[in-house]
Amino acid sequence: MLVSGLVQGVGYRFFAVREARAAGINGFVRNLPDGRVEVVAEAASEAELESFADALRQGPPTSVVRGVEIEDYPHSESIEGFEIKY
């Protein structure tokens, strides 16, 4: 997922980690040089991913989310846990 808006420097990545861990989502979140945030998420069901995406659309109170683009992310190995990548 690519999240756009005022999403860097406002605690968005920490928010994403809290939401993901609470929902049992695996993956990672990181800032991109263009001001967006990238979220790679893996869940047991599509419904869990959609619920997580809904939380990301809201974001923390300090953020202003303008959009969340959802794309398939090809990977060959399973991701365990959820972390911030730098």
N, C-alpha and C. Protein backbone atom coordinates (compact mmCIF):
# COMPACT_ATOMS: atom_id res chain seq x y z
N MET A 1 0.85 -1.16 0.00
CA MET A 1 0.00 0.00 0.00
C MET A 1 0.89 1.23 0.00
N LEU A 2 0.47 2.24 -0.71
CA LEU A 2 1.18 3.51 -0.73
C LEU A 2 0.25 4.56 -0.15
N VAL A 3 0.69 5.17 0.94
CA VAL A 3 -0.13 6.14 1.66
C VAL A 3 0.40 7.53 1.38
N SER A 4 -0.48 8.42 0.94
CA SER A 4 -0.07 9.79 0.62
C SER A 4 -0.77 10.79 1.52
N GLY A 5 -0.21 11.98 1.59
CA GLY A 5 -0.74 13.05 2.43
C GLY A 5 0.34 13.50 3.40
N LEU A 6 -0.09 14.06 4.51
CA LEU A 6 0.85 14.44 5.57
C LEU A 6 1.03 13.20 6.45
N VAL A 7 1.97 12.35 6.06
CA VAL A 7 2.13 11.05 6.71
C VAL A 7 3.57 10.78 7.17
N GLN A 8 4.46 11.74 7.01
CA GLN A 8 5.83 11.59 7.52
C GLN A 8 6.07 12.64 8.60
N GLY A 9 6.76 12.22 9.65
CA GLY A 9 7.06 13.13 10.76
C GLY A 9 5.90 13.36 11.70
N VAL A 10 4.87 12.51 11.61
CA VAL A 10 3.67 12.68 12.43
C VAL A 10 3.30 11.42 13.21
N GLY A 11 4.21 10.43 13.25
CA GLY A 11 3.95 9.19 13.98
C GLY A 11 3.16 8.15 13.21
N TYR A 12 3.05 8.34 11.89
CA TYR A 12 2.25 7.42 11.09
C TYR A 12 2.79 6.00 11.10
N ARG A 13 4.10 5.85 10.98
CA ARG A 13 4.68 4.49 10.96
C ARG A 13 4.45 3.77 12.29
N PHE A 14 4.58 4.49 13.40
CA PHE A 14 4.34 3.88 14.71
C PHE A 14 2.87 3.48 14.85
N PHE A 15 1.98 4.32 14.33
CA PHE A 15 0.56 4.01 14.31
C PHE A 15 0.31 2.73 13.51
N ALA A 16 0.92 2.64 12.33
CA ALA A 16 0.75 1.45 11.48
C ALA A 16 1.23 0.19 12.18
N VAL A 17 2.35 0.28 12.88
CA VAL A 17 2.88 -0.87 13.62
C VAL A 17 1.89 -1.31 14.71
N ARG A 18 1.37 -0.35 15.48
CA ARG A 18 0.41 -0.68 16.54
C ARG A 18 -0.83 -1.37 15.96
N GLU A 19 -1.39 -0.79 14.90
CA GLU A 19 -2.59 -1.35 14.28
C GLU A 19 -2.32 -2.75 13.72
N ALA A 20 -1.19 -2.91 13.06
CA ALA A 20 -0.86 -4.20 12.45
C ALA A 20 -0.68 -5.28 13.51
N ARG A 21 0.08 -4.96 14.53
CA ARG A 21 0.33 -5.97 15.58
C ARG A 21 -0.96 -6.34 16.30
N ALA A 22 -1.83 -5.37 16.53
CA ALA A 22 -3.11 -5.65 17.20
C ALA A 22 -4.00 -6.55 16.35
N ALA A 23 -3.87 -6.43 15.02
CA ALA A 23 -4.71 -7.21 14.11
C ALA A 23 -4.05 -8.50 13.63
N GLY A 24 -2.82 -8.75 14.06
CA GLY A 24 -2.12 -9.96 13.63
C GLY A 24 -1.63 -9.89 12.19
N ILE A 25 -1.38 -8.67 11.71
CA ILE A 25 -0.90 -8.46 10.34
C ILE A 25 0.63 -8.55 10.35
N ASN A 26 1.19 -9.20 9.36
CA ASN A 26 2.65 -9.27 9.20
C ASN A 26 3.08 -8.33 8.09
N GLY A 27 4.33 -7.83 8.19
CA GLY A 27 4.85 -6.98 7.12
C GLY A 27 5.76 -5.89 7.65
N PHE A 28 5.76 -4.77 6.92
CA PHE A 28 6.61 -3.65 7.33
C PHE A 28 6.07 -2.33 6.80
N VAL A 29 6.58 -1.26 7.35
CA VAL A 29 6.22 0.10 6.93
C VAL A 29 7.50 0.90 6.81
N ARG A 30 7.57 1.79 5.82
CA ARG A 30 8.75 2.65 5.70
C ARG A 30 8.40 3.93 4.96
N ASN A 31 9.15 4.99 5.27
CA ASN A 31 9.01 6.26 4.56
C ASN A 31 9.65 6.14 3.18
N LEU A 32 9.07 6.80 2.22
CA LEU A 32 9.64 6.88 0.88
C LEU A 32 10.18 8.30 0.65
N PRO A 33 11.18 8.44 -0.20
CA PRO A 33 11.78 9.76 -0.43
C PRO A 33 10.80 10.80 -0.97
N ASP A 34 9.71 10.36 -1.61
CA ASP A 34 8.76 11.31 -2.20
C ASP A 34 7.70 11.80 -1.22
N GLY A 35 7.81 11.43 0.07
CA GLY A 35 6.87 11.90 1.09
C GLY A 35 5.76 10.92 1.41
N ARG A 36 5.64 9.86 0.63
CA ARG A 36 4.63 8.85 0.93
C ARG A 36 5.19 7.83 1.91
N VAL A 37 4.30 6.97 2.40
CA VAL A 37 4.68 5.86 3.26
C VAL A 37 4.28 4.57 2.55
N GLU A 38 5.20 3.61 2.52
CA GLU A 38 4.93 2.30 1.93
C GLU A 38 4.61 1.32 3.05
N VAL A 39 3.52 0.58 2.87
CA VAL A 39 3.13 -0.46 3.83
C VAL A 39 3.00 -1.77 3.06
N VAL A 40 3.76 -2.76 3.48
CA VAL A 40 3.64 -4.11 2.91
C VAL A 40 3.01 -4.96 4.00
N ALA A 41 1.85 -5.55 3.69
CA ALA A 41 1.09 -6.27 4.70
C ALA A 41 0.64 -7.62 4.19
N GLU A 42 0.64 -8.58 5.10
CA GLU A 42 0.22 -9.95 4.81
C GLU A 42 -0.69 -10.40 5.94
N ALA A 43 -1.87 -10.93 5.58
CA ALA A 43 -2.83 -11.36 6.60
C ALA A 43 -3.43 -12.69 6.21
N ALA A 44 -4.13 -13.30 7.15
CA ALA A 44 -4.75 -14.60 6.90
C ALA A 44 -5.93 -14.49 5.95
N SER A 45 -6.58 -13.31 5.90
CA SER A 45 -7.75 -13.16 5.04
C SER A 45 -7.79 -11.77 4.40
N GLU A 46 -8.53 -11.68 3.33
CA GLU A 46 -8.73 -10.40 2.64
C GLU A 46 -9.47 -9.42 3.55
N ALA A 47 -10.40 -9.93 4.36
CA ALA A 47 -11.16 -9.07 5.28
C ALA A 47 -10.24 -8.42 6.30
N GLU A 48 -9.25 -9.16 6.80
CA GLU A 48 -8.30 -8.58 7.76
C GLU A 48 -7.46 -7.49 7.10
N LEU A 49 -7.06 -7.72 5.86
CA LEU A 49 -6.29 -6.70 5.14
C LEU A 49 -7.12 -5.45 4.90
N GLU A 50 -8.39 -5.63 4.55
CA GLU A 50 -9.25 -4.48 4.29
C GLU A 50 -9.50 -3.68 5.57
N SER A 51 -9.67 -4.38 6.68
CA SER A 51 -9.84 -3.70 7.96
C SER A 51 -8.59 -2.89 8.32
N PHE A 52 -7.42 -3.47 8.07
CA PHE A 52 -6.15 -2.77 8.31
C PHE A 52 -6.05 -1.56 7.40
N ALA A 53 -6.41 -1.71 6.13
CA ALA A 53 -6.38 -0.59 5.19
C ALA A 53 -7.31 0.53 5.65
N ASP A 54 -8.47 0.17 6.20
CA ASP A 54 -9.39 1.19 6.73
C ASP A 54 -8.74 1.98 7.86
N ALA A 55 -8.02 1.29 8.74
CA ALA A 55 -7.32 1.97 9.83
C ALA A 55 -6.24 2.89 9.27
N LEU A 56 -5.54 2.44 8.23
CA LEU A 56 -4.50 3.27 7.61
C LEU A 56 -5.10 4.50 6.95
N ARG A 57 -6.30 4.38 6.41
CA ARG A 57 -6.97 5.54 5.79
C ARG A 57 -7.29 6.60 6.84
N GLN A 58 -7.56 6.17 8.07
CA GLN A 58 -7.84 7.11 9.16
C GLN A 58 -6.55 7.73 9.66
N GLY A 59 -5.56 6.89 9.94
CA GLY A 59 -4.27 7.36 10.45
C GLY A 59 -4.38 7.93 11.85
N PRO A 60 -3.24 8.32 12.42
CA PRO A 60 -3.26 8.93 13.75
C PRO A 60 -3.80 10.36 13.64
N PRO A 61 -4.22 10.96 14.76
CA PRO A 61 -4.80 12.31 14.72
C PRO A 61 -3.85 13.37 14.15
N THR A 62 -2.55 13.13 14.22
CA THR A 62 -1.57 14.11 13.75
C THR A 62 -1.35 14.05 12.24
N SER A 63 -1.93 13.07 11.57
CA SER A 63 -1.72 12.89 10.13
C SER A 63 -2.91 13.43 9.33
N VAL A 64 -2.68 13.63 8.05
CA VAL A 64 -3.74 13.95 7.10
C VAL A 64 -3.55 13.00 5.91
N VAL A 65 -4.32 11.92 5.90
CA VAL A 65 -4.20 10.92 4.84
C VAL A 65 -5.04 11.36 3.65
N ARG A 66 -4.40 11.48 2.51
CA ARG A 66 -5.10 11.89 1.28
C ARG A 66 -5.46 10.69 0.41
N GLY A 67 -4.72 9.61 0.55
CA GLY A 67 -5.03 8.44 -0.25
C GLY A 67 -4.25 7.21 0.18
N VAL A 68 -4.83 6.05 -0.08
CA VAL A 68 -4.17 4.77 0.16
C VAL A 68 -4.34 3.94 -1.11
N GLU A 69 -3.25 3.76 -1.83
CA GLU A 69 -3.25 2.92 -3.03
C GLU A 69 -2.91 1.49 -2.62
N ILE A 70 -3.73 0.56 -3.05
CA ILE A 70 -3.48 -0.85 -2.71
C ILE A 70 -3.00 -1.57 -3.97
N GLU A 71 -1.85 -2.21 -3.85
CA GLU A 71 -1.27 -2.97 -4.96
C GLU A 71 -0.83 -4.33 -4.43
N ASP A 72 -0.83 -5.32 -5.31
CA ASP A 72 -0.25 -6.61 -4.93
C ASP A 72 1.26 -6.45 -4.84
N TYR A 73 1.86 -7.12 -3.88
CA TYR A 73 3.30 -7.04 -3.66
C TYR A 73 3.87 -8.44 -3.83
N PRO A 74 4.57 -8.69 -4.92
CA PRO A 74 5.11 -10.04 -5.12
C PRO A 74 6.29 -10.31 -4.19
N HIS A 75 6.22 -11.40 -3.48
CA HIS A 75 7.34 -11.81 -2.65
C HIS A 75 7.35 -13.33 -2.58
N SER A 76 8.51 -13.87 -2.31
CA SER A 76 8.64 -15.32 -2.35
C SER A 76 8.71 -15.97 -0.97
N GLU A 77 8.80 -15.16 0.05
CA GLU A 77 8.90 -15.75 1.39
C GLU A 77 7.86 -15.14 2.32
N SER A 78 7.50 -15.87 3.33
CA SER A 78 6.53 -15.40 4.30
C SER A 78 7.17 -14.35 5.21
N ILE A 79 6.39 -13.36 5.58
CA ILE A 79 6.86 -12.30 6.47
C ILE A 79 6.32 -12.59 7.86
N GLU A 80 7.17 -12.47 8.87
CA GLU A 80 6.73 -12.69 10.25
C GLU A 80 6.88 -11.42 11.05
N GLY A 81 5.83 -11.06 11.79
CA GLY A 81 5.85 -9.85 12.60
C GLY A 81 5.60 -8.61 11.74
N PHE A 82 5.65 -7.45 12.37
CA PHE A 82 5.46 -6.19 11.66
C PHE A 82 6.44 -5.19 12.22
N GLU A 83 7.19 -4.52 11.35
CA GLU A 83 8.26 -3.64 11.82
C GLU A 83 8.38 -2.40 10.94
N ILE A 84 9.12 -1.44 11.46
CA ILE A 84 9.48 -0.25 10.70
C ILE A 84 10.81 -0.54 10.02
N LYS A 85 10.88 -0.28 8.72
CA LYS A 85 12.15 -0.39 8.00
C LYS A 85 12.68 1.01 7.78
N TYR A 86 13.99 1.15 7.92
CA TYR A 86 14.63 2.45 7.72
C TYR A 86 15.50 2.43 6.50
